[in-house]
């Protein structure tokens, strides 16, 4: 009976010390702040904070994971922004009464860039589903465009 008491007391004491370290450590504080920014979609700020936290403590797995996931999310956001810009350009070109050969080549080049960039994105379970859906949408649209342009070449 006495050993159960000491074991329970010792385990509670160790857990208390670990929690105190976790909440008083600036590296974990920055990691928690980075997690907050990641959750609300501010991937740049999350990346900055997680890099700071990781520099302070190389064994902080939370900081390392957030740093990696923020970087991947930033890549997805950049891809989506580029695809949106290209889509606007394609829309502008397609509004013309007749599309010149150089414009077709330009659209084909843009579609190849978007398709190639999508294939370079790192898939991850932790990426926001909306980012994945948006990236997939633009990939599919530019794949269709590329196929149409190939057909009429």
C-alpha atoms as a PDB file:
ATOM      1  CA  UNK A   1       0.000   0.000   0.000  1.00  0.00           C
ATOM      2  CA  UNK A   2       2.808   2.352   0.899  1.00  0.00           C
ATOM      3  CA  UNK A   3       4.628   1.631  -2.385  1.00  0.00           C
ATOM      4  CA  UNK A   4       1.501   2.511  -4.397  1.00  0.00           C
ATOM      5  CA  UNK A   5       1.353   5.850  -2.613  1.00  0.00           C
ATOM      6  CA  UNK A   6       5.026   6.626  -3.276  1.00  0.00           C
ATOM      7  CA  UNK A   7       4.741   5.510  -6.905  1.00  0.00           C
ATOM      8  CA  UNK A   8       1.653   7.686  -7.445  1.00  0.00           C
ATOM      9  CA  UNK A   9       3.301  10.631  -5.692  1.00  0.00           C
ATOM     10  CA  UNK A  10       6.523  10.201  -7.685  1.00  0.00           C
ATOM     11  CA  UNK A  11       4.650   9.918 -11.007  1.00  0.00           C
ATOM     12  CA  UNK A  12       2.564  13.005 -10.199  1.00  0.00           C
ATOM     13  CA  UNK A  13       5.687  14.911  -9.210  1.00  0.00           C
ATOM     14  CA  UNK A  14       7.503  14.025 -12.451  1.00  0.00           C
ATOM     15  CA  UNK A  15       4.481  14.944 -14.590  1.00  0.00           C
ATOM     16  CA  UNK A  16       4.154  18.257 -12.717  1.00  0.00           C
ATOM     17  CA  UNK A  17       7.795  19.083 -13.408  1.00  0.00           C
ATOM     18  CA  UNK A  18       7.350  18.223 -17.085  1.00  0.00           C
ATOM     19  CA  UNK A  19       4.243  20.411 -17.370  1.00  0.00           C
ATOM     20  CA  UNK A  20       5.966  23.282 -15.578  1.00  0.00           C
ATOM     21  CA  UNK A  21       8.909  23.035 -17.978  1.00  0.00           C
ATOM     22  CA  UNK A  22       6.562  22.875 -20.941  1.00  0.00           C
ATOM     23  CA  UNK A  23       4.610  25.978 -19.953  1.00  0.00           C
ATOM     24  CA  UNK A  24       7.587  28.012 -18.675  1.00  0.00           C
ATOM     25  CA  UNK A  25       9.938  27.259 -21.554  1.00  0.00           C
ATOM     26  CA  UNK A  26      10.083  30.010 -24.185  1.00  0.00           C
ATOM     27  CA  UNK A  27      10.729  27.455 -26.902  1.00  0.00           C
ATOM     28  CA  UNK A  28       7.460  25.638 -26.203  1.00  0.00           C
ATOM     29  CA  UNK A  29       5.664  28.949 -25.781  1.00  0.00           C
ATOM     30  CA  UNK A  30       6.798  29.913 -29.290  1.00  0.00           C
ATOM     31  CA  UNK A  31       5.765  26.480 -30.541  1.00  0.00           C
ATOM     32  CA  UNK A  32       2.275  26.910 -29.137  1.00  0.00           C
ATOM     33  CA  UNK A  33       2.049  30.357 -30.689  1.00  0.00           C
ATOM     34  CA  UNK A  34       3.244  28.909 -34.012  1.00  0.00           C
ATOM     35  CA  UNK A  35       0.558  26.216 -33.720  1.00  0.00           C
ATOM     36  CA  UNK A  36      -2.061  28.937 -33.225  1.00  0.00           C
ATOM     37  CA  UNK A  37      -0.945  30.810 -36.345  1.00  0.00           C
ATOM     38  CA  UNK A  38      -0.822  27.575 -38.331  1.00  0.00           C
ATOM     39  CA  UNK A  39      -4.382  26.785 -37.247  1.00  0.00           C
ATOM     40  CA  UNK A  40      -5.719  30.159 -38.397  1.00  0.00           C
ATOM     41  CA  UNK A  41      -3.894  29.886 -41.720  1.00  0.00           C
ATOM     42  CA  UNK A  42      -1.054  32.375 -41.207  1.00  0.00           C
ATOM     43  CA  UNK A  43       1.610  29.959 -42.418  1.00  0.00           C
ATOM     44  CA  UNK A  44       4.356  32.567 -42.813  1.00  0.00           C
ATOM     45  CA  UNK A  45       4.101  33.677 -39.192  1.00  0.00           C
ATOM     46  CA  UNK A  46       3.854  30.067 -38.038  1.00  0.00           C
ATOM     47  CA  UNK A  47       7.013  29.223 -39.973  1.00  0.00           C
ATOM     48  CA  UNK A  48       8.913  32.173 -38.476  1.00  0.00           C
ATOM     49  CA  UNK A  49       7.950  31.259 -34.909  1.00  0.00           C
ATOM     50  CA  UNK A  50       8.649  27.570 -35.339  1.00  0.00           C
ATOM     51  CA  UNK A  51      12.109  28.322 -36.780  1.00  0.00           C
ATOM     52  CA  UNK A  52      12.851  30.578 -33.779  1.00  0.00           C
ATOM     53  CA  UNK A  53      11.647  27.871 -31.413  1.00  0.00           C
ATOM     54  CA  UNK A  54      13.638  25.163 -33.167  1.00  0.00           C
ATOM     55  CA  UNK A  55      16.804  27.279 -33.020  1.00  0.00           C
ATOM     56  CA  UNK A  56      16.363  27.555 -29.255  1.00  0.00           C
ATOM     57  CA  UNK A  57      15.791  23.830 -28.758  1.00  0.00           C
ATOM     58  CA  UNK A  58      16.804  21.317 -31.430  1.00  0.00           C
ATOM     59  CA  UNK A  59      14.880  18.580 -29.598  1.00  0.00           C
ATOM     60  CA  UNK A  60      11.535  20.382 -29.772  1.00  0.00           C
ATOM     61  CA  UNK A  61       9.553  18.038 -32.007  1.00  0.00           C
ATOM     62  CA  UNK A  62       6.540  20.308 -32.018  1.00  0.00           C
ATOM     63  CA  UNK A  63       8.611  23.153 -33.472  1.00  0.00           C
ATOM     64  CA  UNK A  64      10.191  20.879 -36.063  1.00  0.00           C
ATOM     65  CA  UNK A  65       6.832  19.470 -37.164  1.00  0.00           C
ATOM     66  CA  UNK A  66       5.254  22.919 -37.377  1.00  0.00           C
ATOM     67  CA  UNK A  67       8.248  24.231 -39.293  1.00  0.00           C
ATOM     68  CA  UNK A  68       7.947  21.433 -41.859  1.00  0.00           C
ATOM     69  CA  UNK A  69       4.158  21.660 -42.176  1.00  0.00           C
ATOM     70  CA  UNK A  70       4.208  25.460 -42.439  1.00  0.00           C
ATOM     71  CA  UNK A  71       6.784  25.255 -45.223  1.00  0.00           C
ATOM     72  CA  UNK A  72       4.643  22.742 -47.125  1.00  0.00           C
ATOM     73  CA  UNK A  73       1.535  24.898 -46.624  1.00  0.00           C
ATOM     74  CA  UNK A  74       3.410  27.976 -47.857  1.00  0.00           C
ATOM     75  CA  UNK A  75       4.354  26.028 -50.987  1.00  0.00           C
ATOM     76  CA  UNK A  76       0.685  25.136 -51.533  1.00  0.00           C
ATOM     77  CA  UNK A  77      -0.381  28.782 -51.096  1.00  0.00           C
ATOM     78  CA  UNK A  78       2.281  29.943 -53.575  1.00  0.00           C
ATOM     79  CA  UNK A  79       1.167  27.297 -56.051  1.00  0.00           C
ATOM     80  CA  UNK A  80      -2.485  28.333 -55.750  1.00  0.00           C
ATOM     81  CA  UNK A  81      -1.615  32.031 -56.140  1.00  0.00           C
ATOM     82  CA  UNK A  82       0.452  31.328 -59.248  1.00  0.00           C
ATOM     83  CA  UNK A  83      -2.295  29.137 -60.709  1.00  0.00           C
ATOM     84  CA  UNK A  84      -4.880  31.887 -60.068  1.00  0.00           C
ATOM     85  CA  UNK A  85      -2.697  34.445 -61.845  1.00  0.00           C
ATOM     86  CA  UNK A  86      -2.206  32.106 -64.796  1.00  0.00           C
ATOM     87  CA  UNK A  87      -5.930  31.361 -64.897  1.00  0.00           C
ATOM     88  CA  UNK A  88      -6.695  35.096 -65.092  1.00  0.00           C
ATOM     89  CA  UNK A  89      -4.209  35.436 -67.938  1.00  0.00           C
ATOM     90  CA  UNK A  90      -5.762  32.483 -69.768  1.00  0.00           C
ATOM     91  CA  UNK A  91      -9.224  34.011 -69.274  1.00  0.00           C
ATOM     92  CA  UNK A  92      -7.991  37.327 -70.711  1.00  0.00           C
ATOM     93  CA  UNK A  93      -6.503  35.579 -73.739  1.00  0.00           C
ATOM     94  CA  UNK A  94      -9.589  33.453 -74.341  1.00  0.00           C
ATOM     95  CA  UNK A  95     -11.844  36.530 -74.420  1.00  0.00           C
ATOM     96  CA  UNK A  96     -10.266  37.572 -77.703  1.00  0.00           C
ATOM     97  CA  UNK A  97     -12.217  36.809 -80.870  1.00  0.00           C
ATOM     98  CA  UNK A  98      -9.340  34.821 -82.309  1.00  0.00           C
ATOM     99  CA  UNK A  99      -6.449  33.312 -80.408  1.00  0.00           C
ATOM    100  CA  UNK A 100      -3.076  33.679 -82.074  1.00  0.00           C
ATOM    101  CA  UNK A 101      -0.510  30.899 -82.189  1.00  0.00           C
ATOM    102  CA  UNK A 102       1.810  32.721 -79.771  1.00  0.00           C
ATOM    103  CA  UNK A 103      -1.045  32.983 -77.258  1.00  0.00           C
ATOM    104  CA  UNK A 104      -1.709  29.253 -77.572  1.00  0.00           C
ATOM    105  CA  UNK A 105       1.969  28.572 -76.964  1.00  0.00           C
ATOM    106  CA  UNK A 106       1.881  30.915 -73.967  1.00  0.00           C
ATOM    107  CA  UNK A 107      -1.182  29.176 -72.509  1.00  0.00           C
ATOM    108  CA  UNK A 108       0.398  25.771 -73.099  1.00  0.00           C
ATOM    109  CA  UNK A 109       3.556  26.891 -71.328  1.00  0.00           C
ATOM    110  CA  UNK A 110       1.560  28.210 -68.364  1.00  0.00           C
ATOM    111  CA  UNK A 111      -0.388  24.943 -68.129  1.00  0.00           C
ATOM    112  CA  UNK A 112       2.857  22.947 -68.189  1.00  0.00           C
ATOM    113  CA  UNK A 113       4.253  25.097 -65.379  1.00  0.00           C
ATOM    114  CA  UNK A 114       1.137  24.604 -63.236  1.00  0.00           C
ATOM    115  CA  UNK A 115       1.029  20.854 -63.904  1.00  0.00           C
ATOM    116  CA  UNK A 116       4.744  20.448 -63.168  1.00  0.00           C
ATOM    117  CA  UNK A 117       4.544  22.557 -60.009  1.00  0.00           C
ATOM    118  CA  UNK A 118       1.653  20.478 -58.701  1.00  0.00           C
ATOM    119  CA  UNK A 119       3.650  17.295 -59.088  1.00  0.00           C
ATOM    120  CA  UNK A 120       6.448  18.841 -57.010  1.00  0.00           C
ATOM    121  CA  UNK A 121       4.151  19.660 -54.063  1.00  0.00           C
ATOM    122  CA  UNK A 122       4.731  17.513 -50.998  1.00  0.00           C
ATOM    123  CA  UNK A 123       1.616  15.607 -49.977  1.00  0.00           C
ATOM    124  CA  UNK A 124       0.908  15.631 -46.269  1.00  0.00           C
ATOM    125  CA  UNK A 125      -1.906  14.505 -44.025  1.00  0.00           C
ATOM    126  CA  UNK A 126      -1.685  17.657 -41.922  1.00  0.00           C
ATOM    127  CA  UNK A 127      -2.239  20.122 -44.773  1.00  0.00           C
ATOM    128  CA  UNK A 128      -5.525  22.004 -44.701  1.00  0.00           C
ATOM    129  CA  UNK A 129      -8.127  20.254 -46.860  1.00  0.00           C
ATOM    130  CA  UNK A 130      -9.095  23.516 -48.553  1.00  0.00           C
ATOM    131  CA  UNK A 131      -5.514  24.003 -49.742  1.00  0.00           C
ATOM    132  CA  UNK A 132      -5.478  20.484 -51.139  1.00  0.00           C
ATOM    133  CA  UNK A 133      -8.833  20.983 -52.874  1.00  0.00           C
ATOM    134  CA  UNK A 134      -7.814  24.320 -54.393  1.00  0.00           C
ATOM    135  CA  UNK A 135      -4.499  22.948 -55.616  1.00  0.00           C
ATOM    136  CA  UNK A 136      -6.220  19.883 -57.075  1.00  0.00           C
ATOM    137  CA  UNK A 137      -8.845  22.074 -58.767  1.00  0.00           C
ATOM    138  CA  UNK A 138      -6.241  24.186 -60.559  1.00  0.00           C
ATOM    139  CA  UNK A 139      -4.223  21.105 -61.487  1.00  0.00           C
ATOM    140  CA  UNK A 140      -7.294  19.507 -63.073  1.00  0.00           C
ATOM    141  CA  UNK A 141      -8.297  22.694 -64.904  1.00  0.00           C
ATOM    142  CA  UNK A 142      -4.842  23.214 -66.353  1.00  0.00           C
ATOM    143  CA  UNK A 143      -4.584  19.529 -67.276  1.00  0.00           C
ATOM    144  CA  UNK A 144      -7.821  19.875 -69.281  1.00  0.00           C
ATOM    145  CA  UNK A 145      -6.520  23.062 -70.893  1.00  0.00           C
ATOM    146  CA  UNK A 146      -3.244  21.382 -71.778  1.00  0.00           C
ATOM    147  CA  UNK A 147      -5.070  18.428 -73.336  1.00  0.00           C
ATOM    148  CA  UNK A 148      -7.227  20.772 -75.437  1.00  0.00           C
ATOM    149  CA  UNK A 149      -4.212  22.712 -76.599  1.00  0.00           C
ATOM    150  CA  UNK A 150      -2.411  19.474 -77.494  1.00  0.00           C
ATOM    151  CA  UNK A 151      -5.428  18.331 -79.480  1.00  0.00           C
ATOM    152  CA  UNK A 152      -5.566  21.498 -81.604  1.00  0.00           C
ATOM    153  CA  UNK A 153      -1.819  21.771 -82.274  1.00  0.00           C
END
